[in-house]
Amino acid sequence: MKANRIRSLDGLRGLCAIIVMFFHWWLLSPAVWNVVSKGVIPAAGSPLFMISKTPLNVLVAGSSAVFIFFVISGVVLALTFEEVDRHDSVAFIVKRFCRIYLPYAVAILVSLSAMLLVQPAPVPGLSEWFNTYAWSQTITPLRLLNYVLMTNHDTTLDPVIWSLAHELRISLVFPLIFFFMARHGTVALVALVAFSLAAEIILAIAHVHWVIGEFLNTGKYLFLFAFGIWLYRRGAAPGHREGRARTLVLGVSALIAIFLSARIDLLAFTPAAFLLSTVGSILVVALALGQNAIANALASNGAVWFGRISYSLYLMHIPVMLFILHQFHARAPAGLLFVTGIAAAIGVAWLMSMTVERFSQRLGRWLATRLSSASAAKAGAGAVTAAS
């Protein structure tokens, strides 16, 4: 794949991180939370109606943004596994574990420290989501163990971490998925879609232990990574510049799918919303992988910069938001808190990307090199022994 295509995915990742951040700030309103979680229909023509029930809702379509993250991961991990790690599964898994887990661990520690510092209490005028979910649980050794193991049994310290658990679990088996699709192509894609569908059906009709349920939940999202691999393999060969008609069809179709999904259910819990969000997310990534004006815009320096800090922004925007609101809600107007929260989240994300993320990447590469060298030396010694 060409470098500008990867830049476009960086830019798309940055845009999605911003959408997720806006979505969580939006959830602070009790009226918004009633629409999102309880299906309350806002008054026609009201600002809430315009944002939640018109195409403007793509600006706060947090669930679709996360689905796009998953598809992007499928593309980028396939590229990394094939062209960087040269099908070295050990190196790939070690680097991926360091890349995801270390920044995650730092984010959890920062969020826990901030929570203990401010001693959060309900804030009048803010939503049920803010007052009874985020930073709402007493931290016990068992809860801390759940965070260490990324069980998703408790996510109140940083509600976005549910997706990171799925991302890490799928990364551990990604080489198998990649080889399966490389060998069987579209048949493998169909099989993985069927597997995800089966996981969703089991979750819907059966009462299973929460541990089994978590792995089924991971399986539910597996097909999004599979579509990412499919898009990578489809786009790896040189292609011609897309015509305006194709770009327009892809763009409009993606917008309609995400708009309808968010209009039905912004959390994408219902089957129709989940399906539409899936279709829209795949189309968006396909558009970003093309050679068109939208992909070029996503490959711009500003968009790519946000893409480079997107993981840290995704991890840190809620802890930053919670700290600022709990600490200063009675001392500053809402508008100033919002602007300060956004700016602070971006600043913290930049700092974390320059320190923690860089360290995690370097550590991953170092460990992968050491393990690969050790494996090669062991294999060489075995060959010598066999020859003698």
Protein backbone atom coordinates (compact mmCIF):
# COMPACT_ATOMS: atom_id res chain seq x y z
CA MET A 1 0.00 0.00 0.00
CA LYS A 2 1.18 3.52 -0.70
CA ALA A 3 2.29 5.83 2.11
CA ASN A 4 -0.47 8.38 1.45
CA ARG A 5 -3.04 5.64 1.98
CA ILE A 6 -1.66 4.90 5.45
CA ARG A 7 -1.58 8.63 6.17
CA SER A 8 -5.25 8.77 5.26
CA LEU A 9 -5.99 6.04 7.81
CA ASP A 10 -4.02 8.01 10.41
CA GLY A 11 -6.17 11.02 9.64
CA LEU A 12 -9.35 8.96 9.81
CA ARG A 13 -8.27 7.54 13.17
CA GLY A 14 -7.74 11.06 14.46
CA LEU A 15 -11.16 12.17 13.26
CA CYS A 16 -12.79 9.18 14.96
CA ALA A 17 -11.01 9.92 18.25
CA ILE A 18 -12.37 13.48 18.13
CA ILE A 19 -15.90 12.19 17.44
CA VAL A 20 -15.69 9.82 20.42
CA MET A 21 -14.50 12.68 22.62
CA PHE A 22 -17.37 14.94 21.51
CA PHE A 23 -19.80 12.08 22.04
CA HIS A 24 -18.81 11.70 25.69
CA TRP A 25 -19.03 15.42 26.34
CA TRP A 26 -22.45 15.34 24.70
CA LEU A 27 -23.55 12.59 27.09
CA LEU A 28 -23.14 14.98 30.04
CA SER A 29 -26.55 16.48 29.28
CA PRO A 30 -29.43 14.69 31.06
CA ALA A 31 -31.66 15.33 28.04
CA VAL A 32 -29.11 13.75 25.72
CA TRP A 33 -28.70 10.75 28.02
CA ASN A 34 -32.46 10.23 28.01
CA VAL A 35 -32.44 10.20 24.21
CA VAL A 36 -29.42 7.90 23.95
CA SER A 37 -30.21 5.40 26.71
CA LYS A 38 -33.99 5.54 27.07
CA GLY A 39 -35.17 6.29 23.55
CA VAL A 40 -36.86 9.58 24.44
CA ILE A 41 -37.82 11.46 21.26
CA PRO A 42 -36.71 15.12 21.40
CA ALA A 43 -39.03 17.90 20.25
CA ALA A 44 -38.95 18.36 16.48
CA GLY A 45 -36.80 21.30 15.46
CA SER A 46 -34.99 21.51 18.81
CA PRO A 47 -31.18 21.58 18.87
CA LEU A 48 -31.21 18.11 20.43
CA PHE A 49 -33.44 16.83 17.62
CA MET A 50 -31.18 18.37 14.98
CA ILE A 51 -28.08 16.69 16.40
CA SER A 52 -29.59 13.31 17.26
CA LYS A 53 -32.10 12.76 14.45
CA THR A 54 -30.59 14.45 11.39
CA PRO A 55 -27.36 13.74 9.47
CA LEU A 56 -25.59 15.99 11.98
CA ASN A 57 -25.59 12.98 14.27
CA VAL A 58 -22.50 11.65 12.48
CA LEU A 59 -20.58 14.27 14.50
CA VAL A 60 -21.37 12.35 17.71
CA ALA A 61 -21.65 8.81 16.30
CA GLY A 62 -19.27 7.36 18.86
CA SER A 63 -20.16 3.71 18.28
CA SER A 64 -19.58 3.96 14.53
CA ALA A 65 -16.25 5.67 15.22
CA VAL A 66 -15.16 2.69 17.35
CA PHE A 67 -16.26 0.29 14.61
CA ILE A 68 -14.12 2.28 12.19
CA PHE A 69 -11.19 1.86 14.61
CA PHE A 70 -11.66 -1.91 14.41
CA VAL A 71 -11.73 -1.97 10.61
CA ILE A 72 -8.67 0.30 10.44
CA SER A 73 -6.88 -2.07 12.83
CA GLY A 74 -7.62 -4.96 10.48
CA VAL A 75 -5.99 -3.07 7.60
CA VAL A 76 -2.98 -1.78 9.51
CA LEU A 77 -2.30 -5.02 11.39
CA ALA A 78 -2.43 -6.97 8.14
CA LEU A 79 0.06 -4.56 6.61
CA THR A 80 2.32 -4.76 9.67
CA PHE A 81 2.18 -8.55 9.92
CA GLU A 82 2.90 -9.11 6.24
CA GLU A 83 5.27 -6.29 5.27
CA VAL A 84 7.02 -5.39 8.55
CA ASP A 85 7.06 -8.54 10.69
CA ARG A 86 7.28 -10.85 7.67
CA HIS A 87 4.78 -13.30 9.19
CA ASP A 88 6.74 -13.51 12.46
CA SER A 89 3.84 -14.17 14.83
CA VAL A 90 5.88 -13.87 18.02
CA ALA A 91 7.31 -10.47 17.09
CA PHE A 92 3.90 -9.25 16.00
CA ILE A 93 2.13 -10.32 19.21
CA VAL A 94 4.83 -8.96 21.52
CA LYS A 95 4.85 -5.56 19.82
CA ARG A 96 1.08 -5.42 19.75
CA PHE A 97 0.80 -6.29 23.45
CA CYS A 98 3.24 -3.54 24.42
CA ARG A 99 1.57 -1.07 22.08
CA ILE A 100 -1.88 -1.56 23.60
CA TYR A 101 -1.31 -2.61 27.20
CA LEU A 102 1.33 -0.19 28.49
CA PRO A 103 -0.52 3.05 27.54
CA TYR A 104 -3.71 1.43 28.81
CA ALA A 105 -2.08 0.68 32.18
CA VAL A 106 -0.79 4.24 32.49
CA ALA A 107 -4.22 5.64 31.65
CA ILE A 108 -5.85 3.49 34.32
CA LEU A 109 -3.28 4.57 36.92
CA VAL A 110 -3.75 8.24 36.02
CA SER A 111 -7.54 7.93 36.15
CA LEU A 112 -7.41 6.11 39.49
CA SER A 113 -5.08 8.73 40.95
CA ALA A 114 -7.26 11.58 39.72
CA MET A 115 -10.38 9.93 41.14
CA LEU A 116 -8.78 9.45 44.55
CA LEU A 117 -7.58 13.05 44.47
CA VAL A 118 -10.93 14.70 43.74
CA GLN A 119 -13.15 12.27 45.71
CA PRO A 120 -16.02 12.50 43.18
CA ALA A 121 -19.59 13.19 44.22
CA PRO A 122 -22.74 13.62 42.09
CA VAL A 123 -22.82 16.92 40.22
CA PRO A 124 -26.29 18.54 39.96
CA GLY A 125 -27.40 19.19 36.41
CA LEU A 126 -25.27 16.51 34.79
CA SER A 127 -26.47 13.21 33.39
CA GLU A 128 -27.02 9.86 35.01
CA TRP A 129 -24.11 8.50 32.95
CA PHE A 130 -21.75 11.01 34.57
CA ASN A 131 -23.10 10.73 38.11
CA THR A 132 -23.77 7.00 38.46
CA TYR A 133 -21.36 5.27 36.05
CA ALA A 134 -18.04 6.98 35.38
CA TRP A 135 -15.82 7.06 38.51
CA SER A 136 -18.69 5.51 40.43
CA GLN A 137 -17.27 2.28 41.90
CA THR A 138 -15.29 1.79 45.08
CA ILE A 139 -11.90 0.43 44.10
CA THR A 140 -11.12 -2.93 45.67
CA PRO A 141 -8.25 -5.39 45.05
CA LEU A 142 -10.62 -7.55 42.97
CA ARG A 143 -11.62 -4.58 40.82
CA LEU A 144 -7.97 -3.67 40.32
CA LEU A 145 -7.27 -7.26 39.26
CA ASN A 146 -10.06 -6.95 36.68
CA TYR A 147 -8.30 -3.90 35.26
CA VAL A 148 -4.92 -5.64 35.24
CA LEU A 149 -6.41 -8.60 33.33
CA MET A 150 -8.53 -6.35 31.05
CA THR A 151 -11.61 -8.44 31.78
CA ASN A 152 -14.07 -5.63 30.93
CA HIS A 153 -15.95 -6.63 34.11
CA ASP A 154 -15.45 -3.08 35.34
CA THR A 155 -14.78 -0.09 33.08
CA THR A 156 -15.89 2.80 35.28
CA LEU A 157 -12.35 4.21 35.64
CA ASP A 158 -12.25 4.80 31.88
CA PRO A 159 -15.38 3.67 29.99
CA VAL A 160 -13.67 3.47 26.59
CA ILE A 161 -11.43 0.56 27.62
CA TRP A 162 -14.04 -2.05 26.64
CA SER A 163 -12.87 -1.75 23.03
CA LEU A 164 -9.19 -2.11 23.96
CA ALA A 165 -9.84 -5.47 25.60
CA HIS A 166 -11.39 -6.72 22.35
CA GLU A 167 -8.55 -5.19 20.33
CA LEU A 168 -5.87 -6.94 22.40
CA ARG A 169 -7.63 -10.32 22.42
CA ILE A 170 -8.09 -10.25 18.65
CA SER A 171 -4.47 -9.13 18.21
CA LEU A 172 -3.32 -12.29 19.99
CA VAL A 173 -5.01 -14.49 17.39
CA PHE A 174 -4.61 -12.10 14.46
CA PRO A 175 -1.88 -14.14 12.72
CA LEU A 176 -4.24 -17.13 12.58
CA ILE A 177 -7.02 -14.95 11.15
CA PHE A 178 -4.63 -13.50 8.59
CA PHE A 179 -3.37 -16.90 7.40
CA PHE A 180 -6.95 -18.21 7.27
CA MET A 181 -8.01 -15.34 5.04
CA ALA A 182 -4.84 -15.46 2.95
CA ARG A 183 -5.52 -19.10 2.14
CA HIS A 184 -9.30 -19.10 1.73
CA GLY A 185 -10.11 -15.51 0.74
CA THR A 186 -13.77 -14.63 0.55
CA VAL A 187 -14.81 -18.01 1.96
CA ALA A 188 -12.82 -17.21 5.12
CA LEU A 189 -14.43 -13.77 5.32
CA VAL A 190 -17.89 -15.30 5.12
CA ALA A 191 -16.95 -17.87 7.78
CA LEU A 192 -15.69 -15.16 10.14
CA VAL A 193 -18.84 -13.09 9.61
CA ALA A 194 -20.86 -16.21 10.44
CA PHE A 195 -18.75 -16.76 13.57
CA SER A 196 -19.41 -13.19 14.75
CA LEU A 197 -23.10 -13.57 13.99
CA ALA A 198 -23.23 -16.82 15.99
CA ALA A 199 -21.55 -15.08 18.94
CA GLU A 200 -24.15 -12.31 18.79
CA ILE A 201 -27.02 -14.81 18.67
CA ILE A 202 -25.67 -16.78 21.64
CA LEU A 203 -25.34 -13.57 23.65
CA ALA A 204 -28.91 -12.63 22.76
CA ILE A 205 -30.63 -15.91 23.59
CA ALA A 206 -28.49 -17.60 26.25
CA HIS A 207 -27.45 -16.73 29.78
CA VAL A 208 -23.73 -17.44 29.96
CA HIS A 209 -21.07 -16.80 32.59
CA TRP A 210 -19.67 -13.30 32.25
CA VAL A 211 -16.21 -14.63 31.33
CA ILE A 212 -17.66 -16.64 28.44
CA GLY A 213 -19.81 -13.65 27.57
CA GLU A 214 -16.75 -11.42 27.31
CA PHE A 215 -15.03 -13.73 24.85
CA LEU A 216 -18.26 -13.99 22.86
CA ASN A 217 -18.38 -10.20 22.86
CA THR A 218 -14.88 -10.18 21.41
CA GLY A 219 -15.99 -12.70 18.78
CA LYS A 220 -18.87 -10.39 17.91
CA TYR A 221 -16.39 -7.79 16.63
CA LEU A 222 -13.98 -10.21 14.96
CA PHE A 223 -15.55 -9.78 11.53
CA LEU A 224 -14.71 -6.04 11.50
CA PHE A 225 -11.01 -6.91 11.67
CA ALA A 226 -11.62 -9.53 8.98
CA PHE A 227 -13.10 -6.88 6.70
CA GLY A 228 -10.03 -4.78 7.38
CA ILE A 229 -7.80 -7.66 6.22
CA TRP A 230 -10.02 -8.07 3.16
CA LEU A 231 -9.71 -4.37 2.32
CA TYR A 232 -5.94 -4.55 2.77
CA ARG A 233 -5.58 -7.53 0.44
CA ARG A 234 -7.93 -5.96 -2.05
CA GLY A 235 -6.06 -2.66 -2.01
CA ALA A 236 -2.51 -3.96 -1.85
CA ALA A 237 -2.21 -4.08 -5.64
CA PRO A 238 -1.74 -0.77 -7.51
CA GLY A 239 -5.07 0.70 -8.48
CA HIS A 240 -6.31 3.49 -10.68
CA ARG A 241 -7.60 6.78 -9.40
CA GLU A 242 -11.25 6.51 -8.41
CA GLY A 243 -13.83 8.39 -10.42
CA ARG A 244 -15.94 11.05 -8.76
CA ALA A 245 -19.07 8.94 -9.17
CA ARG A 246 -17.64 6.02 -7.19
CA THR A 247 -16.31 8.35 -4.49
CA LEU A 248 -19.70 10.05 -4.26
CA VAL A 249 -21.57 6.74 -4.02
CA LEU A 250 -19.24 5.41 -1.31
CA GLY A 251 -19.36 8.65 0.66
CA VAL A 252 -23.11 9.11 0.51
CA SER A 253 -23.76 5.45 1.29
CA ALA A 254 -21.46 5.58 4.33
CA LEU A 255 -23.08 8.80 5.55
CA ILE A 256 -26.59 7.38 5.17
CA ALA A 257 -25.69 4.13 6.94
CA ILE A 258 -24.06 5.89 9.91
CA PHE A 259 -26.83 8.50 10.08
CA LEU A 260 -29.56 5.85 10.14
CA SER A 261 -27.66 3.79 12.70
CA ALA A 262 -27.24 6.78 15.01
CA ARG A 263 -30.86 7.81 14.47
CA ILE A 264 -32.06 4.36 15.54
CA ASP A 265 -29.62 3.87 18.42
CA LEU A 266 -26.48 5.95 19.01
CA LEU A 267 -25.01 3.17 21.14
CA ALA A 268 -25.56 0.65 18.29
CA PHE A 269 -26.97 -1.96 20.66
CA THR A 270 -30.01 -2.84 18.55
CA PRO A 271 -29.41 -5.25 15.62
CA ALA A 272 -30.47 -2.77 12.94
CA ALA A 273 -28.25 -0.01 14.30
CA PHE A 274 -25.33 -2.44 14.70
CA LEU A 275 -25.67 -3.63 11.11
CA LEU A 276 -25.96 -0.13 9.66
CA SER A 277 -23.02 1.09 11.73
CA THR A 278 -20.98 -1.86 10.48
CA VAL A 279 -21.79 -1.15 6.83
CA GLY A 280 -21.05 2.55 7.24
CA SER A 281 -17.75 1.89 8.99
CA ILE A 282 -16.49 -0.49 6.30
CA LEU A 283 -17.46 1.95 3.56
CA VAL A 284 -15.69 4.83 5.32
CA VAL A 285 -12.44 2.87 5.56
CA ALA A 286 -12.78 1.76 1.94
CA LEU A 287 -13.17 5.41 0.98
CA ALA A 288 -10.11 6.41 3.01
CA LEU A 289 -8.05 3.71 1.27
CA GLY A 290 -8.92 5.04 -2.16
CA GLN A 291 -7.29 7.69 -4.29
CA ASN A 292 -9.78 10.52 -4.00
CA ALA A 293 -10.27 13.97 -2.52
CA ILE A 294 -11.56 12.63 0.81
CA ALA A 295 -8.54 10.36 1.28
CA ASN A 296 -6.27 13.28 0.39
CA ALA A 297 -7.97 15.48 3.00
CA LEU A 298 -7.55 12.75 5.62
CA ALA A 299 -3.86 12.54 4.68
CA SER A 300 -3.32 16.24 5.42
CA ASN A 301 -0.79 17.19 8.07
CA GLY A 302 -3.39 18.39 10.58
CA ALA A 303 -5.52 15.28 10.31
CA VAL A 304 -2.48 13.00 10.53
CA TRP A 305 -1.24 14.84 13.64
CA PHE A 306 -4.48 14.02 15.41
CA GLY A 307 -4.13 10.46 14.15
CA ARG A 308 -0.71 10.19 15.76
CA ILE A 309 -2.15 11.15 19.16
CA SER A 310 -5.47 9.37 18.65
CA TYR A 311 -4.78 6.39 20.92
CA SER A 312 -3.78 8.60 23.84
CA LEU A 313 -6.68 10.96 23.12
CA TYR A 314 -9.06 8.01 23.12
CA LEU A 315 -7.63 6.77 26.42
CA MET A 316 -7.32 10.06 28.28
CA HIS A 317 -10.21 12.31 27.25
CA ILE A 318 -12.66 10.85 29.79
CA PRO A 319 -10.31 10.96 32.82
CA VAL A 320 -9.41 14.54 31.90
CA MET A 321 -13.08 15.45 31.48
CA LEU A 322 -14.05 13.85 34.78
CA PHE A 323 -11.24 15.56 36.67
CA ILE A 324 -12.03 19.01 35.30
CA LEU A 325 -15.77 18.74 35.89
CA HIS A 326 -15.52 17.31 39.39
CA GLN A 327 -12.84 19.81 40.39
CA PHE A 328 -14.14 23.00 38.79
CA HIS A 329 -17.87 22.60 38.01
CA ALA A 330 -18.88 25.10 40.68
CA ARG A 331 -16.20 27.64 39.79
CA ALA A 332 -16.47 28.11 36.03
CA PRO A 333 -19.20 28.32 33.35
CA ALA A 334 -20.01 25.25 31.28
CA GLY A 335 -18.60 26.70 28.06
CA LEU A 336 -15.23 27.40 29.64
CA LEU A 337 -15.13 23.92 31.16
CA PHE A 338 -15.86 22.39 27.76
CA VAL A 339 -13.14 24.35 25.96
CA THR A 340 -10.67 23.71 28.76
CA GLY A 341 -11.52 20.01 28.83
CA ILE A 342 -11.02 19.59 25.08
CA ALA A 343 -7.75 21.54 25.08
CA ALA A 344 -6.45 19.71 28.15
CA ALA A 345 -7.33 16.30 26.68
CA ILE A 346 -5.45 17.12 23.48
CA GLY A 347 -2.45 18.38 25.46
CA VAL A 348 -2.36 15.33 27.73
CA ALA A 349 -2.76 13.05 24.71
CA TRP A 350 0.18 14.71 22.94
CA LEU A 351 2.36 14.38 26.03
CA MET A 352 1.39 10.74 26.52
CA SER A 353 1.97 9.92 22.85
CA MET A 354 5.45 11.46 23.01
CA THR A 355 6.41 9.58 26.18
CA VAL A 356 4.40 6.49 27.08
CA GLU A 357 3.45 5.47 23.55
CA ARG A 358 6.96 5.95 22.20
CA PHE A 359 8.41 3.95 25.08
CA SER A 360 5.87 1.15 24.58
CA GLN A 361 6.68 0.95 20.88
CA ARG A 362 10.43 0.90 21.48
CA LEU A 363 10.09 -1.71 24.20
CA GLY A 364 7.94 -3.84 21.93
CA ARG A 365 10.46 -3.67 19.11
CA TRP A 366 13.33 -4.46 21.49
CA LEU A 367 11.57 -7.45 23.02
CA ALA A 368 10.48 -8.70 19.61
CA THR A 369 14.06 -8.49 18.31
CA ARG A 370 15.41 -10.32 21.34
CA LEU A 371 12.79 -13.07 21.14
CA SER A 372 13.20 -13.47 17.38
CA SER A 373 17.00 -13.66 17.75
CA ALA A 374 16.67 -16.23 20.51
CA SER A 375 14.28 -18.30 18.41
CA ALA A 376 16.58 -18.11 15.40
CA ALA A 377 19.61 -19.12 17.52
CA LYS A 378 17.69 -22.04 19.00
CA ALA A 379 16.54 -23.16 15.56
CA GLY A 380 20.12 -22.89 14.27
CA ALA A 381 21.45 -24.93 17.16
CA GLY A 382 18.81 -27.56 16.54
CA ALA A 383 19.75 -27.76 12.88
CA VAL A 384 23.43 -28.19 13.74
CA THR A 385 22.61 -30.91 16.24
CA ALA A 386 20.43 -32.72 13.71
CA ALA A 387 23.14 -32.49 11.06
CA SER A 388 25.78 -33.88 13.39
